Amino acid sequence: MKVELNHIIGRFAEGLEAIDTWPLPTRSNQRTGATYLPGTKTLTESQVVDLVDEWWVTLHPGEFAGGPAIRTGVRYPTLPKTACDYMFSSDGSSNPAEWGVEVKHLQFVGDNGGRQDYQVPKVVSPYLKDRGLIHDALRLHHNPVGKRNAVIGYSFEYDDDSLDQAYLYHPGHGDRIEKIRATCVVNGGSLKLDPLLGMADAYMRTRGLVTGALVTMPFEAWAHPCGGRGTVFGWEVTHTTATQNPWHPW
């Protein structure tokens, strides 16, 4: 079957919900050594990609005619020190793969509910130093690794209703939930992706980096008290053969 971006986004959302119910590996804070609570919320991007792939191939093998050709962490042919998060084909092809995808996990809050203030640059910064979503789109635009390429991301979002529901699942972690609520109050009552995605969409469309509509899909993953309701989003990336500086083509 020919896979479109909306199908990838949908499967990724389903996969996030599914793996959240699995026994998941735990992580620790690199600075303090404190162990994070388990859940999709605290997995690394690479762990999520690997687990979602495992779920997808196992639950939907018929979507990979000729056998799955999924590879993670594949080096860019033109950027040998850099790896693409996720490459796969629904027809078993591998050179090039049907899709090359870069994945971003955006976080409004951390494991303890404390606010994370680097969410905005992780989406809209064009600078190499920030390793943001727009940087990923630029890299794929100038160095396509698949027949088609995309940047996708996922993030949890918060408001009073979702935080009240989190209390029902995690009554023993009210301290974390109330930290999130306090940040929501400062932000006018919620922490939502819409304003940020609108900025990124306008910027990348103006630069000719993306084609087609921004695709979004909701998901729910409640294993962690700072999880809950979220959104998977993504754009298909255009490509060019121009020999410009790949980081600052304008």
Protein backbone atom coordinates (compact mmCIF):
# COMPACT_ATOMS: atom_id res chain seq x y z
CA MET A 1 0.00 0.00 0.00
CA LYS A 2 1.09 3.57 -0.65
CA VAL A 3 1.48 5.34 2.69
CA GLU A 4 0.54 9.00 3.05
CA LEU A 5 1.57 11.36 5.84
CA ASN A 6 -1.84 11.32 7.52
CA HIS A 7 -1.55 7.53 7.83
CA ILE A 8 1.91 7.82 9.43
CA ILE A 9 0.62 10.43 11.89
CA GLY A 10 -2.41 8.29 12.73
CA ARG A 11 -0.37 5.15 13.31
CA PHE A 12 2.12 7.09 15.42
CA ALA A 13 -0.72 8.38 17.62
CA GLU A 14 -2.16 4.87 17.99
CA GLY A 15 1.29 3.52 18.76
CA LEU A 16 1.92 6.10 21.50
CA GLU A 17 -1.31 5.06 23.20
CA ALA A 18 -0.45 1.37 22.88
CA ILE A 19 3.13 1.45 24.15
CA ASP A 20 2.05 3.56 27.14
CA THR A 21 0.33 0.41 28.45
CA TRP A 22 3.47 -1.73 28.07
CA PRO A 23 6.13 -2.30 30.74
CA LEU A 24 8.49 0.50 29.76
CA PRO A 25 12.14 1.22 30.55
CA THR A 26 12.85 3.91 33.12
CA ARG A 27 15.26 6.81 32.77
CA SER A 28 17.20 8.93 35.22
CA ASN A 29 17.98 12.61 35.38
CA GLN A 30 21.56 12.95 34.12
CA ARG A 31 22.33 15.75 36.57
CA THR A 32 20.67 14.53 39.80
CA GLY A 33 20.42 10.80 39.19
CA ALA A 34 16.73 10.84 40.20
CA THR A 35 14.71 8.13 38.44
CA TYR A 36 11.83 9.35 36.29
CA LEU A 37 8.39 7.81 36.63
CA PRO A 38 7.68 5.32 33.82
CA GLY A 39 5.47 6.16 30.86
CA THR A 40 5.57 7.38 27.28
CA LYS A 41 6.05 10.86 28.74
CA THR A 42 9.62 10.14 29.91
CA LEU A 43 10.87 7.99 27.02
CA THR A 44 13.50 9.41 24.70
CA GLU A 45 12.63 10.12 21.07
CA SER A 46 14.70 7.13 19.92
CA GLN A 47 13.00 4.81 22.43
CA VAL A 48 9.59 5.98 21.23
CA VAL A 49 10.49 5.48 17.56
CA ASP A 50 11.77 1.95 18.22
CA LEU A 51 8.74 0.95 20.29
CA VAL A 52 6.16 2.47 17.94
CA ASP A 53 7.83 0.67 15.03
CA GLU A 54 7.69 -2.60 16.96
CA TRP A 55 3.98 -2.06 17.65
CA TRP A 56 3.20 -1.03 14.05
CA VAL A 57 4.90 -3.99 12.36
CA THR A 58 3.43 -6.46 14.87
CA LEU A 59 -0.15 -5.15 14.82
CA HIS A 60 -0.36 -4.17 11.14
CA PRO A 61 1.98 -6.46 9.18
CA GLY A 62 -0.24 -6.24 6.10
CA GLU A 63 0.77 -2.61 5.65
CA PHE A 64 4.30 -3.68 4.77
CA ALA A 65 3.97 -5.68 1.55
CA GLY A 66 7.15 -7.57 0.81
CA GLY A 67 8.26 -7.33 4.42
CA PRO A 68 8.98 -4.25 6.53
CA ALA A 69 12.01 -2.18 5.69
CA ILE A 70 12.20 -0.13 8.86
CA ARG A 71 15.50 1.32 9.95
CA THR A 72 16.28 3.78 12.70
CA GLY A 73 19.35 5.95 13.18
CA VAL A 74 20.44 5.72 9.52
CA ARG A 75 23.28 8.00 8.46
CA TYR A 76 22.59 10.64 5.83
CA PRO A 77 24.62 9.80 2.69
CA THR A 78 25.63 13.46 2.35
CA LEU A 79 26.03 14.08 6.10
CA PRO A 80 27.88 11.01 7.42
CA LYS A 81 28.04 12.33 11.00
CA THR A 82 24.27 12.80 11.18
CA ALA A 83 21.56 10.14 11.39
CA CYS A 84 17.91 10.20 10.31
CA ASP A 85 15.56 9.14 13.11
CA TYR A 86 13.30 6.89 11.09
CA MET A 87 13.24 5.40 7.58
CA PHE A 88 10.68 2.91 6.34
CA SER A 89 8.95 1.51 3.27
CA SER A 90 5.54 -0.08 2.93
CA ASP A 91 6.73 -2.04 -0.14
CA GLY A 92 10.00 -3.36 1.26
CA SER A 93 12.18 -1.01 -0.80
CA SER A 94 15.28 0.36 0.85
CA ASN A 95 17.34 2.42 -1.63
CA PRO A 96 15.93 4.94 -1.22
CA ALA A 97 13.34 4.20 1.43
CA GLU A 98 9.75 5.26 0.79
CA TRP A 99 9.87 7.73 3.72
CA GLY A 100 12.59 9.45 5.69
CA VAL A 101 11.24 10.95 8.93
CA GLU A 102 12.73 13.11 11.67
CA VAL A 103 10.91 12.95 15.02
CA LYS A 104 10.69 15.58 17.78
CA HIS A 105 9.31 15.18 21.30
CA LEU A 106 8.18 18.58 22.56
CA GLN A 107 7.70 19.10 26.30
CA PHE A 108 5.84 21.88 28.09
CA VAL A 109 6.76 20.27 31.44
CA GLY A 110 9.23 17.74 32.78
CA ASP A 111 8.93 14.56 34.82
CA ASN A 112 8.27 16.52 38.02
CA GLY A 113 5.71 18.86 36.44
CA GLY A 114 8.11 21.78 36.32
CA ARG A 115 7.91 24.01 33.26
CA GLN A 116 10.28 23.51 30.36
CA ASP A 117 11.07 26.79 28.67
CA TYR A 118 12.92 25.54 25.59
CA GLN A 119 9.79 24.30 23.80
CA VAL A 120 9.57 27.34 21.53
CA PRO A 121 13.17 27.23 20.18
CA LYS A 122 12.85 23.46 19.77
CA VAL A 123 10.10 24.14 17.24
CA VAL A 124 10.76 27.45 15.50
CA SER A 125 14.49 28.16 15.87
CA PRO A 126 16.31 27.98 12.50
CA TYR A 127 19.70 27.83 14.23
CA LEU A 128 21.81 24.69 14.12
CA LYS A 129 22.72 25.03 17.81
CA ASP A 130 19.07 24.49 18.88
CA ARG A 131 18.58 21.24 16.92
CA GLY A 132 14.96 22.20 16.40
CA LEU A 133 12.16 21.02 14.17
CA ILE A 134 12.81 23.69 11.53
CA HIS A 135 16.47 22.68 11.53
CA ASP A 136 15.34 19.09 10.81
CA ALA A 137 13.13 20.30 7.95
CA LEU A 138 16.05 22.25 6.48
CA ARG A 139 18.29 19.20 6.69
CA LEU A 140 15.76 16.96 4.92
CA HIS A 141 15.01 19.70 2.39
CA HIS A 142 18.65 19.85 1.31
CA ASN A 143 19.57 16.22 2.03
CA PRO A 144 16.52 14.03 1.30
CA VAL A 145 17.02 10.44 2.41
CA GLY A 146 13.71 8.99 1.22
CA LYS A 147 11.55 9.21 -1.85
CA ARG A 148 9.37 11.35 0.41
CA ASN A 149 10.41 12.99 3.67
CA ALA A 150 8.68 14.43 6.72
CA VAL A 151 9.16 16.01 10.11
CA ILE A 152 6.77 14.86 12.81
CA GLY A 153 6.46 15.64 16.49
CA TYR A 154 4.39 14.80 19.53
CA SER A 155 3.61 16.60 22.75
CA PHE A 156 1.29 16.44 25.71
CA GLU A 157 -1.06 19.40 26.25
CA TYR A 158 -2.74 20.58 29.44
CA ASP A 159 -5.80 22.39 30.73
CA ASP A 160 -7.99 22.18 33.85
CA ASP A 161 -10.04 19.29 32.48
CA SER A 162 -7.03 17.12 31.59
CA LEU A 163 -5.35 17.90 34.92
CA ASP A 164 -8.50 16.94 36.83
CA GLN A 165 -8.48 13.64 34.94
CA ALA A 166 -4.80 13.14 35.76
CA TYR A 167 -5.72 13.37 39.47
CA LEU A 168 -8.14 10.46 39.00
CA TYR A 169 -5.35 8.28 37.60
CA HIS A 170 -2.55 9.55 39.88
CA PRO A 171 -3.94 10.78 43.22
CA GLY A 172 -0.54 10.26 44.83
CA HIS A 173 1.21 12.72 42.51
CA GLY A 174 -0.79 15.87 43.09
CA ASP A 175 2.39 17.88 43.57
CA ARG A 176 3.40 17.29 39.95
CA ILE A 177 -0.09 18.00 38.64
CA GLU A 178 -0.39 21.25 40.61
CA LYS A 179 2.92 22.49 39.20
CA ILE A 180 1.47 22.07 35.73
CA ARG A 181 -1.74 23.81 36.76
CA ALA A 182 0.24 26.77 38.08
CA THR A 183 2.02 27.11 34.73
CA CYS A 184 -1.32 26.89 32.92
CA VAL A 185 -2.65 29.73 35.08
CA VAL A 186 0.31 31.94 34.17
CA ASN A 187 -0.30 31.09 30.51
CA GLY A 188 -3.98 32.02 30.56
CA GLY A 189 -5.41 28.64 31.58
CA SER A 190 -3.80 26.06 29.31
CA LEU A 191 -0.67 24.84 27.54
CA LYS A 192 -1.62 24.07 23.93
CA LEU A 193 0.34 23.45 20.73
CA ASP A 194 -1.87 25.40 18.32
CA PRO A 195 -0.09 28.80 18.56
CA LEU A 196 3.33 27.20 18.23
CA LEU A 197 2.35 24.99 15.29
CA GLY A 198 0.79 27.99 13.56
CA MET A 199 4.08 29.89 13.81
CA ALA A 200 6.10 26.94 12.52
CA ASP A 201 3.67 26.28 9.68
CA ALA A 202 3.77 29.89 8.49
CA TYR A 203 7.58 30.06 8.70
CA MET A 204 8.27 26.79 6.87
CA ARG A 205 5.62 27.47 4.22
CA THR A 206 7.11 30.92 3.54
CA ARG A 207 10.55 29.32 3.10
CA GLY A 208 9.17 26.61 0.80
CA LEU A 209 10.26 23.83 3.15
CA VAL A 210 6.94 21.97 3.36
CA THR A 211 4.14 20.88 1.06
CA GLY A 212 0.56 19.90 1.77
CA ALA A 213 -1.34 20.63 4.95
CA LEU A 214 -0.12 20.38 8.53
CA VAL A 215 -1.48 17.03 9.78
CA THR A 216 -2.48 16.55 13.43
CA MET A 217 -3.93 13.66 15.42
CA PRO A 218 -4.86 13.50 19.14
CA PHE A 219 -3.71 10.73 21.46
CA GLU A 220 -4.03 9.87 25.16
CA ALA A 221 -1.39 8.24 27.34
CA TRP A 222 -2.02 8.41 31.09
CA ALA A 223 0.68 6.13 32.55
CA HIS A 224 2.64 9.15 33.81
CA PRO A 225 0.95 11.88 35.91
CA CYS A 226 2.39 14.52 33.56
CA GLY A 227 1.13 12.67 30.50
CA GLY A 228 -2.51 12.60 29.47
CA ARG A 229 -3.84 14.14 26.28
CA GLY A 230 -1.54 15.08 23.47
CA THR A 231 -1.14 15.67 19.76
CA VAL A 232 0.98 14.13 17.03
CA PHE A 233 1.69 16.54 14.17
CA GLY A 234 3.73 16.66 11.01
CA TRP A 235 4.55 18.10 7.61
CA GLU A 236 5.84 16.59 4.40
CA VAL A 237 9.14 18.24 3.49
CA THR A 238 10.03 19.46 0.01
CA HIS A 239 13.51 18.89 -1.40
CA THR A 240 15.94 20.78 -3.54
CA THR A 241 19.09 19.99 -5.48
CA ALA A 242 20.46 23.51 -5.02
CA THR A 243 24.04 23.67 -3.77
CA GLN A 244 23.35 26.23 -1.06
CA ASN A 245 24.40 26.30 2.57
CA PRO A 246 21.99 23.64 3.97
CA TRP A 247 21.47 25.52 7.24
CA HIS A 248 20.89 29.02 5.88
CA PRO A 249 19.61 28.71 2.29
CA TRP A 250 18.07 32.19 2.41
